[in-house]
Protein backbone atom coordinates (compact mmCIF):
# COMPACT_ATOMS: atom_id res chain seq x y z
CA MET A 1 41.93 163.39 88.65
CA ILE A 2 42.22 162.69 92.37
CA SER A 3 44.86 164.99 93.82
CA ARG A 4 48.16 163.57 95.10
CA ARG A 5 47.63 165.39 98.40
CA ARG A 6 44.30 163.65 99.06
CA LEU A 7 45.79 160.30 98.16
CA LEU A 8 48.77 160.73 100.46
CA LEU A 9 46.63 161.88 103.36
CA GLY A 10 44.00 159.22 102.76
CA MET A 11 44.36 155.99 100.86
CA LEU A 12 48.10 155.64 100.90
CA SER A 13 48.97 156.34 104.50
CA GLY A 14 49.02 152.61 105.11
CA LEU A 15 51.61 151.56 102.52
CA THR A 16 54.33 149.43 104.04
CA ILE A 17 57.91 148.51 103.24
CA ARG A 18 60.36 145.82 104.30
CA PRO A 19 63.86 147.15 105.06
CA SER A 20 66.35 145.77 102.55
CA ALA A 21 69.66 144.19 103.56
CA ALA A 22 71.46 147.41 102.60
CA TRP A 23 69.77 149.41 105.35
CA ALA A 24 68.80 146.75 107.89
CA GLY A 25 72.03 146.73 109.89
CA ALA A 26 72.34 146.64 113.65
CA ASP A 27 72.43 150.44 113.89
CA ASN A 28 69.32 150.88 111.78
CA PRO A 29 66.55 152.20 114.06
CA LEU A 30 63.97 150.44 111.89
CA ARG A 31 65.39 147.02 112.70
CA ASN A 32 63.68 144.96 115.36
CA ARG A 33 63.37 141.31 116.26
CA ARG A 34 59.95 141.47 114.69
CA GLU A 35 59.34 143.04 111.30
CA ARG A 36 58.28 146.64 111.62
CA ARG A 37 56.07 148.59 109.23
CA VAL A 38 57.53 151.88 108.09
CA GLU A 39 56.63 154.61 105.64
CA VAL A 40 57.21 153.82 101.96
CA PRO A 41 59.62 156.16 100.12
CA ASP A 42 58.11 158.31 97.38
CA VAL A 43 60.16 156.25 94.91
CA ALA A 44 60.28 152.55 95.76
CA GLN A 45 60.90 149.20 94.16
CA PHE A 46 58.04 146.76 94.61
CA HIS A 47 58.36 142.97 94.62
CA ARG A 48 55.59 140.63 93.51
CA GLN A 49 54.41 137.92 95.86
CA ASP A 50 54.57 135.36 93.05
CA GLY A 51 58.33 135.85 92.83
CA ARG A 52 58.35 137.41 89.36
CA ARG A 53 59.95 140.71 88.47
CA GLY A 54 58.27 143.69 90.07
CA PHE A 55 58.29 147.39 89.32
CA ILE A 56 59.42 150.84 90.40
CA LEU A 57 56.72 153.25 91.54
CA ASP A 58 57.53 156.98 91.52
CA ARG A 59 55.07 159.14 93.51
CA THR A 60 57.10 162.36 93.48
CA GLY A 61 54.90 164.19 90.97
CA GLU A 62 51.24 164.90 90.39
CA VAL A 63 51.23 161.99 87.93
CA TRP A 64 52.41 158.69 89.34
CA LEU A 65 54.92 156.76 87.24
CA LEU A 66 55.43 153.01 87.06
CA LYS A 67 58.23 151.13 85.34
CA PRO A 68 58.25 147.31 85.20
CA LEU A 69 61.74 146.10 86.10
CA ASP A 70 62.05 144.02 82.93
CA GLU A 71 60.92 146.80 80.56
CA ALA A 72 62.36 150.13 79.42
CA GLU A 73 59.07 151.98 79.07
CA VAL A 74 57.68 154.14 81.88
CA LEU A 75 53.89 154.30 82.32
CA ALA A 76 52.10 157.46 83.43
CA LEU A 77 49.11 156.53 85.61
CA THR A 78 45.82 158.29 86.29
CA ALA A 79 44.01 157.84 89.60
CA GLN A 80 40.37 156.74 89.69
CA ARG A 81 38.06 155.54 92.44
CA ALA A 82 38.00 151.77 92.40
CA PRO A 83 34.75 149.78 92.64
CA GLY A 84 34.28 148.68 96.21
CA GLY A 85 36.73 151.24 97.60
CA GLY A 86 40.38 152.08 97.22
CA THR A 87 42.04 153.77 94.27
CA SER A 88 42.80 152.39 90.83
CA PHE A 89 45.72 153.72 88.81
CA VAL A 90 45.12 153.23 85.10
CA SER A 91 47.30 153.50 82.00
CA ASP A 92 46.71 155.92 79.14
CA TRP A 93 44.95 153.12 77.22
CA GLY A 94 42.49 152.62 80.09
CA ASP A 95 43.67 149.40 81.74
CA GLU A 96 44.12 149.15 85.49
CA VAL A 97 47.81 148.78 86.38
CA ILE A 98 47.77 148.93 90.17
CA ARG A 99 45.12 149.26 92.86
CA VAL A 100 45.71 150.63 96.34
CA SER A 101 43.20 149.55 98.97
CA SER A 102 41.89 151.79 101.75
CA ILE A 103 44.45 150.23 104.12
CA GLY A 104 47.38 150.67 101.72
CA ALA A 105 47.66 147.18 100.20
CA VAL A 106 48.87 147.23 96.58
CA THR A 107 47.66 144.88 93.84
CA TYR A 108 49.53 144.82 90.53
CA TYR A 109 47.88 143.87 87.21
CA PRO A 110 50.61 142.96 84.69
CA GLU A 111 49.86 141.20 81.39
CA ASP A 112 51.06 137.87 82.78
CA GLN A 113 48.72 138.13 85.79
CA PRO A 114 45.53 139.88 84.62
CA ASN A 115 43.66 138.92 87.79
CA GLY A 116 46.23 140.75 89.88
CA VAL A 117 49.08 139.88 92.21
CA ILE A 118 49.95 141.41 95.59
CA ALA A 119 53.00 143.67 95.51
CA GLU A 120 55.07 144.91 98.45
CA ALA A 121 57.43 147.86 98.63
CA TRP A 122 60.93 146.56 99.27
CA GLU A 123 63.52 149.32 99.05
CA PRO A 124 64.04 152.90 97.85
CA ALA A 125 64.73 153.50 94.17
CA ARG A 126 65.93 156.35 91.98
CA PRO A 127 63.33 158.75 90.55
CA LEU A 128 62.14 158.06 87.01
CA ARG A 129 63.46 161.00 85.00
CA THR A 130 62.67 161.79 81.38
CA PRO A 131 65.67 161.36 79.06
CA GLU A 132 67.79 164.22 77.77
CA ALA A 133 68.80 164.68 74.14
CA GLY A 134 70.05 167.26 71.67
CA VAL A 135 69.09 168.22 68.16
CA ASP A 136 71.53 165.73 66.63
CA GLU A 137 70.11 162.85 68.68
CA LEU A 138 66.58 163.74 67.57
CA ARG A 139 67.62 163.91 63.93
CA ASP A 140 69.43 160.58 64.16
CA ARG A 141 66.48 158.92 65.89
CA SER A 142 64.05 160.05 63.20
CA THR A 143 66.36 158.61 60.55
CA ARG A 144 66.59 155.29 62.35
CA ALA A 145 62.81 155.26 62.82
CA ALA A 146 62.36 155.61 59.06
CA VAL A 147 64.70 152.65 58.51
CA GLU A 148 62.99 150.52 61.15
CA LEU A 149 59.51 151.21 59.78
CA ALA A 150 60.68 150.55 56.22
CA GLU A 151 62.02 147.17 57.34
CA LEU A 152 58.76 146.44 59.15
CA PHE A 153 56.57 147.23 56.11
CA GLY A 154 58.94 146.33 53.31
CA ARG A 155 58.50 149.77 51.76
CA PRO A 156 59.61 153.36 52.44
CA MET A 157 57.88 155.29 55.22
CA GLN A 158 58.27 159.04 55.51
CA VAL A 159 59.13 160.17 59.04
CA GLU A 160 59.17 163.76 60.31
CA TYR A 161 58.93 165.82 63.49
CA GLY A 162 58.09 169.34 64.57
CA ALA A 163 60.17 171.91 66.39
CA ALA A 164 60.32 171.49 70.16
CA PRO A 165 62.02 173.26 73.11
CA ARG A 166 65.52 172.01 73.84
CA ASP A 167 64.44 170.76 77.26
CA GLY A 168 61.84 168.58 75.57
CA LEU A 169 63.98 166.95 72.88
CA GLY A 170 64.59 163.86 75.00
CA LEU A 171 60.85 163.19 75.19
CA MET A 172 60.58 163.67 71.41
CA VAL A 173 63.31 161.05 70.95
CA GLU A 174 61.52 158.66 73.27
CA ALA A 175 58.28 159.25 71.37
CA PHE A 176 60.00 157.83 68.29
CA ASP A 177 60.99 154.74 70.29
CA LEU A 178 57.42 154.23 71.48
CA THR A 179 55.96 154.88 68.03
CA VAL A 180 58.15 152.26 66.38
CA GLU A 181 57.32 149.80 69.16
CA GLY A 182 53.62 150.58 68.82
CA PHE A 183 53.77 149.86 65.09
CA ARG A 184 55.54 146.56 65.78
CA GLN A 185 52.89 145.54 68.28
CA ALA A 186 50.06 146.47 65.91
CA VAL A 187 51.55 144.65 62.95
CA GLY A 188 52.20 141.61 65.12
CA LEU A 189 48.52 141.60 66.07
CA GLY A 190 47.39 141.76 62.46
CA ALA A 191 46.73 145.46 61.83
CA GLU A 192 46.38 146.40 58.14
CA LEU A 193 48.40 149.58 57.68
CA ASP A 194 49.25 149.66 54.00
CA GLY A 195 47.39 152.95 53.66
CA LEU A 196 49.79 154.75 55.98
CA GLN A 197 52.69 156.44 54.25
CA ARG A 198 53.87 159.04 56.75
CA VAL A 199 54.55 159.31 60.48
CA LYS A 200 55.02 162.56 62.38
CA ILE A 201 55.95 163.35 65.99
CA ALA A 202 54.24 166.69 66.57
CA PRO A 203 54.58 168.98 69.62
CA ALA A 204 51.20 169.73 71.16
CA GLU A 205 49.56 170.74 74.43
CA ALA A 206 48.76 167.16 75.40
CA ALA A 207 49.54 163.60 74.39
CA ASP A 208 47.27 162.40 71.62
CA ILE A 209 47.09 160.38 68.40
CA GLU A 210 45.53 161.43 65.11
CA ILE A 211 45.24 159.85 61.68
CA GLU A 212 44.91 162.26 58.77
CA GLY A 213 44.62 160.31 55.53
CA ASP A 214 47.95 158.57 55.02
CA LEU A 215 49.58 160.47 57.93
CA PHE A 216 49.86 159.03 61.44
CA VAL A 217 50.46 161.81 63.99
CA VAL A 218 51.76 161.21 67.50
CA LYS A 219 51.20 164.36 69.54
CA VAL A 220 53.65 165.07 72.34
CA ASN A 221 53.86 167.75 75.00
CA PRO A 222 57.67 167.99 75.09
CA LEU A 223 57.67 169.57 78.56
CA GLY A 224 54.92 167.36 79.98
CA GLY A 225 57.10 164.59 81.36
CA TYR A 226 56.18 160.97 80.77
CA ALA A 227 52.49 161.91 80.73
CA GLY A 228 53.26 164.16 77.77
CA ARG A 229 53.53 161.31 75.25
CA PRO A 230 51.33 158.31 74.39
CA SER A 231 52.51 154.89 75.47
CA SER A 232 53.49 152.26 72.90
CA THR A 233 50.37 150.25 73.79
CA ARG A 234 48.09 153.23 73.24
CA ILE A 235 49.76 153.77 69.86
CA ALA A 236 49.34 150.10 68.96
CA ARG A 237 45.67 150.09 69.94
CA ALA A 238 45.03 153.23 67.89
CA LEU A 239 46.59 151.54 64.87
CA LEU A 240 44.58 148.37 65.43
CA ALA A 241 41.36 150.35 65.72
CA ALA A 242 42.13 152.24 62.53
CA SER A 243 43.55 149.41 60.35
CA ILE A 244 44.14 151.36 57.14
CA PRO A 245 44.37 149.10 54.10
CA ALA A 246 45.81 150.45 50.85
């Protein structure tokens, strides 16, 4: 992985931001008769040039995080050298999500614009923090996941989870959300999953997915932040690739 320090000192020194109305008053030293280019906050909201909903980009950690404004899920991105220069930031299922050019220009690659759309930083945003939860919330979420999967398949589905540190229970709860969503996506795309009877959220050293007979295992590093669990799309693609008929 390309280090955050190298990126900040190199590729991303040219990122720009437009001051929002909230901090563009007469006393704001950034304000001028002509638009001025200033440093982008480590956590910023980006607007798309096509006028559609943008995203929040959080660069405060070693792993960059991106959350589309119209979605609840946070994506953990991995940096790679882009063909022709610049840096690509890809999802855990391998698709490019944003690209930052050598001069700091950002191109966004959402599903509705696979060829990319220019995005500009607009204003500061709050950091993307992993959720918090207790033992009761985790137990309740696993019960609801069993109900949701049973409704999806029209038959019972056994759901379980392993023991995790208290500080990581929120990520375990979110992993259930993403797992259910991943199953919904896969079924909607035609995956044959009648052979699956059990689902488990299992603490592990790194995010991963395994299929062991009739058991679908989502591995989660409870203390690994958003990069510590697979995304719903990665889960869906794993199910589609497996397609386990009865």
